Protein backbone atom coordinates (compact mmCIF):
# COMPACT_ATOMS: atom_id res chain seq x y z
CA MET A 1 68.20 238.54 27.32
CA SER A 2 69.23 241.37 24.98
CA LEU A 3 72.54 243.17 25.26
CA ARG A 4 70.66 246.37 26.11
CA ARG A 5 68.87 244.69 28.99
CA ARG A 6 72.09 243.17 30.34
CA LEU A 7 73.86 246.54 30.24
CA VAL A 8 70.98 248.28 31.99
CA ASP A 9 70.77 245.52 34.60
CA GLN A 10 74.47 245.82 35.36
CA PHE A 11 74.37 249.60 35.52
CA ALA A 12 71.24 249.78 37.68
CA GLN A 13 72.68 247.28 40.13
CA SER A 14 75.89 249.30 40.42
CA VAL A 15 74.13 252.60 41.23
CA LEU A 16 71.14 251.36 43.27
CA HIS A 17 71.10 253.35 46.50
CA ALA A 18 70.20 251.71 49.82
CA CYS A 19 67.60 253.53 51.91
CA PRO A 20 67.72 252.23 55.49
CA GLY A 21 64.66 253.24 57.47
CA ILE A 22 62.56 254.08 54.41
CA ARG A 23 59.75 251.67 53.56
CA PHE A 24 58.78 251.22 49.93
CA GLU A 25 55.46 249.78 48.79
CA ARG A 26 54.07 248.96 45.38
CA LEU A 27 50.77 250.75 44.83
CA GLY A 28 48.40 249.91 41.99
CA SER A 29 47.79 246.93 39.75
CA ASP A 30 50.35 244.45 38.45
CA TYR A 31 50.34 246.39 35.17
CA GLY A 32 50.11 249.98 36.41
CA GLY A 33 51.73 249.85 39.85
CA TRP A 34 54.77 251.76 41.12
CA MET A 35 57.13 251.47 44.08
CA VAL A 36 57.07 254.56 46.31
CA PRO A 37 58.38 255.53 49.78
CA ILE A 38 54.95 255.24 51.32
CA ASP A 39 55.76 256.68 54.75
CA LEU A 40 57.20 259.90 53.28
CA ILE A 41 54.02 260.81 51.41
CA THR A 42 51.57 262.95 53.38
CA ARG A 43 48.21 264.60 52.81
CA ASP A 44 49.75 267.87 51.69
CA TRP A 45 51.77 266.29 48.86
CA ILE A 46 51.00 267.32 45.29
CA CYS A 47 51.57 264.50 42.82
CA TYR A 48 51.68 264.82 39.03
CA CYS A 49 51.13 261.66 36.99
CA GLY A 50 51.99 261.78 33.29
CA GLY A 51 50.45 259.00 31.24
CA VAL A 52 47.13 257.46 32.21
CA GLY A 53 46.21 254.93 29.57
CA GLU A 54 43.44 252.73 30.92
CA ASP A 55 44.90 252.10 34.37
CA ILE A 56 44.83 254.70 37.15
CA THR A 57 45.02 252.19 39.98
CA PHE A 58 48.31 253.75 41.14
CA ASP A 59 46.80 257.24 41.24
CA LEU A 60 43.72 256.17 43.14
CA GLU A 61 45.54 253.94 45.63
CA LEU A 62 48.04 256.74 46.27
CA ILE A 63 45.12 259.01 47.19
CA ARG A 64 43.41 256.34 49.27
CA ARG A 65 46.53 255.44 51.25
CA THR A 66 47.92 258.94 51.86
CA GLY A 67 45.15 261.46 51.25
CA CYS A 68 47.37 263.41 48.84
CA GLN A 69 46.29 265.35 45.76
CA VAL A 70 46.90 263.79 42.32
CA VAL A 71 46.80 265.57 38.97
CA ALA A 72 47.03 263.30 35.93
CA PHE A 73 47.75 264.17 32.29
CA ASP A 74 47.00 262.26 29.09
CA PRO A 75 45.42 263.45 25.81
CA THR A 76 44.69 259.97 24.44
CA PRO A 77 40.94 259.63 23.75
CA ARG A 78 40.69 256.20 25.37
CA ALA A 79 42.47 257.53 28.46
CA VAL A 80 40.04 260.45 28.68
CA ALA A 81 37.10 258.04 28.51
CA HIS A 82 38.64 255.73 31.13
CA VAL A 83 39.17 258.52 33.64
CA ALA A 84 35.61 259.77 33.16
CA ALA A 85 34.33 256.27 33.89
CA VAL A 86 36.35 255.42 37.01
CA ALA A 87 37.40 258.63 38.77
CA ALA A 88 34.51 261.05 38.47
CA GLU A 89 33.64 260.78 42.16
CA GLU A 90 37.17 261.26 43.57
CA PRO A 91 37.60 264.96 44.50
CA ARG A 92 41.34 264.66 45.16
CA PHE A 93 41.97 263.42 41.62
CA ARG A 94 42.16 265.95 38.81
CA PHE A 95 42.68 265.15 35.14
CA LEU A 96 43.83 267.32 32.24
CA ALA A 97 43.65 265.98 28.68
CA VAL A 98 47.03 267.39 27.67
CA GLY A 99 50.41 265.82 26.98
CA LEU A 100 53.67 266.54 28.77
CA TRP A 101 56.53 268.01 26.76
CA SER A 102 59.32 270.60 27.05
CA LYS A 103 57.28 273.50 25.62
CA ASP A 104 53.77 274.58 24.70
CA ALA A 105 53.10 272.96 21.35
CA GLU A 106 50.72 270.92 19.26
CA ARG A 107 52.33 267.51 18.85
CA GLN A 108 51.58 264.32 16.96
CA PHE A 109 50.92 261.23 19.09
CA PHE A 110 51.70 258.09 17.10
CA ALA A 111 49.67 254.93 17.55
CA PRO A 112 51.08 251.65 18.92
CA ARG A 113 51.58 248.78 16.49
CA ASP A 114 49.08 246.64 18.39
CA ARG A 115 45.79 248.53 18.19
CA ARG A 116 44.55 246.80 21.31
CA HIS A 117 47.09 248.89 23.24
CA VAL A 118 46.20 252.41 24.29
CA SER A 119 49.47 254.31 24.69
CA HIS A 120 50.51 256.70 21.90
CA SER A 121 53.99 258.20 21.56
CA ILE A 122 55.22 261.72 20.71
CA VAL A 123 58.60 260.29 19.70
CA ASN A 124 56.95 257.55 17.61
CA LEU A 125 58.45 254.85 19.75
CA GLN A 126 57.13 252.00 17.60
CA GLY A 127 57.62 253.57 14.17
CA THR A 128 53.98 253.78 13.04
CA SER A 129 52.23 256.22 10.70
CA ASP A 130 48.80 256.82 12.29
CA TYR A 131 48.54 259.61 14.84
CA PHE A 132 46.33 262.19 16.48
CA VAL A 133 47.33 265.76 17.36
CA ALA A 134 47.04 267.18 20.88
CA ARG A 135 48.29 270.08 22.92
CA CYS A 136 51.34 269.54 25.09
CA ARG A 137 52.70 271.66 27.91
CA PRO A 138 55.80 271.71 30.14
CA ILE A 139 55.47 270.93 33.82
CA SER A 140 56.40 274.50 34.77
CA ALA A 141 53.47 275.93 32.77
CA LEU A 142 51.04 273.42 34.24
CA MET A 143 52.16 274.31 37.75
CA ARG A 144 51.50 277.99 37.08
CA GLU A 145 48.06 277.22 35.64
CA LEU A 146 47.13 275.03 38.59
CA GLY A 147 48.57 277.40 41.20
CA HIS A 148 51.20 274.99 42.52
CA SER A 149 54.48 276.37 43.83
CA ARG A 150 55.92 272.85 44.09
CA ILE A 151 55.24 269.23 43.25
CA ASP A 152 56.31 266.44 45.56
CA LEU A 153 56.00 263.35 43.36
CA LEU A 154 56.24 263.00 39.60
CA LYS A 155 55.32 259.80 37.76
CA LEU A 156 56.12 259.55 34.05
CA ASP A 157 54.91 256.75 31.81
CA ILE A 158 54.84 258.73 28.57
CA GLU A 159 56.15 256.46 25.84
CA GLY A 160 59.61 257.86 25.19
CA ALA A 161 58.94 261.53 25.99
CA GLN A 162 60.38 261.19 29.50
CA HIS A 163 63.88 262.33 28.53
CA GLU A 164 62.68 265.66 27.14
CA VAL A 165 60.21 266.26 29.96
CA LEU A 166 62.75 265.54 32.71
CA ARG A 167 65.40 267.68 31.02
CA SER A 168 63.05 270.68 30.83
CA MET A 169 61.78 270.14 34.39
CA LEU A 170 65.28 270.13 35.83
CA ARG A 171 66.25 273.12 33.69
CA ASP A 172 63.28 275.03 35.16
CA GLY A 173 64.43 274.28 38.71
CA ILE A 174 61.57 271.93 39.63
CA ARG A 175 62.66 269.26 42.10
CA PRO A 176 60.02 266.77 43.27
CA THR A 177 61.05 264.63 46.22
CA VAL A 178 60.16 261.44 44.31
CA VAL A 179 60.48 260.80 40.57
CA CYS A 180 59.03 257.59 39.13
CA VAL A 181 59.87 257.08 35.47
CA GLU A 182 59.41 254.28 32.98
CA PHE A 183 62.15 254.00 30.37
CA ASP A 184 59.83 252.83 27.61
CA GLN A 185 61.37 250.39 25.16
CA PRO A 186 63.00 250.40 22.73
CA ASP A 187 65.36 253.03 24.14
CA THR A 188 69.09 253.54 23.81
CA VAL A 189 71.40 252.88 26.72
CA VAL A 190 73.15 256.18 26.01
CA ARG A 191 69.94 258.19 26.30
CA MET A 192 68.97 256.42 29.50
CA TYR A 193 72.40 257.07 30.98
CA ARG A 194 72.25 260.78 30.09
CA THR A 195 68.91 261.15 31.82
CA TYR A 196 70.21 259.28 34.84
CA ARG A 197 73.21 261.65 34.98
CA ARG A 198 70.93 264.69 34.87
CA LEU A 199 68.88 263.33 37.76
CA ARG A 200 72.00 262.41 39.72
CA LYS A 201 73.44 265.90 39.26
CA ALA A 202 70.17 267.35 40.57
CA GLY A 203 70.48 265.37 43.79
CA TYR A 204 68.51 262.23 42.96
CA ARG A 205 69.48 258.65 43.71
CA LEU A 206 68.07 255.51 42.14
CA VAL A 207 66.38 253.70 45.02
CA VAL A 208 64.11 251.10 43.38
CA ARG A 209 64.16 249.32 40.06
CA ASP A 210 61.13 247.31 38.95
CA GLY A 211 61.79 246.17 35.39
CA TRP A 212 61.97 249.33 33.28
CA ASN A 213 60.25 251.35 36.04
CA LEU A 214 62.73 253.32 38.15
CA THR A 215 62.05 255.25 41.34
CA PHE A 216 64.39 258.10 42.27
CA LEU A 217 64.54 259.91 45.62
CA ARG A 218 66.02 263.37 46.07
CA TYR A 219 68.65 263.69 48.78
CA GLN A 220 69.81 267.29 48.22
């Protein structure tokens, strides 16, 4: 086990918050699933899911189990094709082929080293040279476009861009009840800790850790 992993393990264990009376369930596939407080989520919840790839089992099971509305975002061509193939008949699922970022901008999305993988990275997580260019938008702008005054759950699996997206979301005063975020690797312990501190200051507590996938619940 790497030093980074040991440090994160120790830190996560020290700050993990107990939630008596709240039931968590893992929704979705082994690869794309997330732990959520299933009994808190109701039909009127609005859920934003950043990062689709070729697995929207979490999104669709969330809809099936709770009846909520899900809006997903991913500009990757393979992700666009996957959504068109598997979710065309689900009226509570909406998809926008845009990336999430801290401002409106055209950004480069760098390819993974293994071309069998689908996920591309704005921050060039794997240090590659091939990329495509796509439009990115902050969560606040997307909410205005979609006519949402709030979001209740945010899931981020966006290949290193999560720090910038969460920072801008909190700066704009957006406070989902549940935040699910993957700290894509490699990532620095310092950067992860800074993002954790921002969430903590905004009233969130780490309630579930599943590998590098962390679920936060807002208590304030």
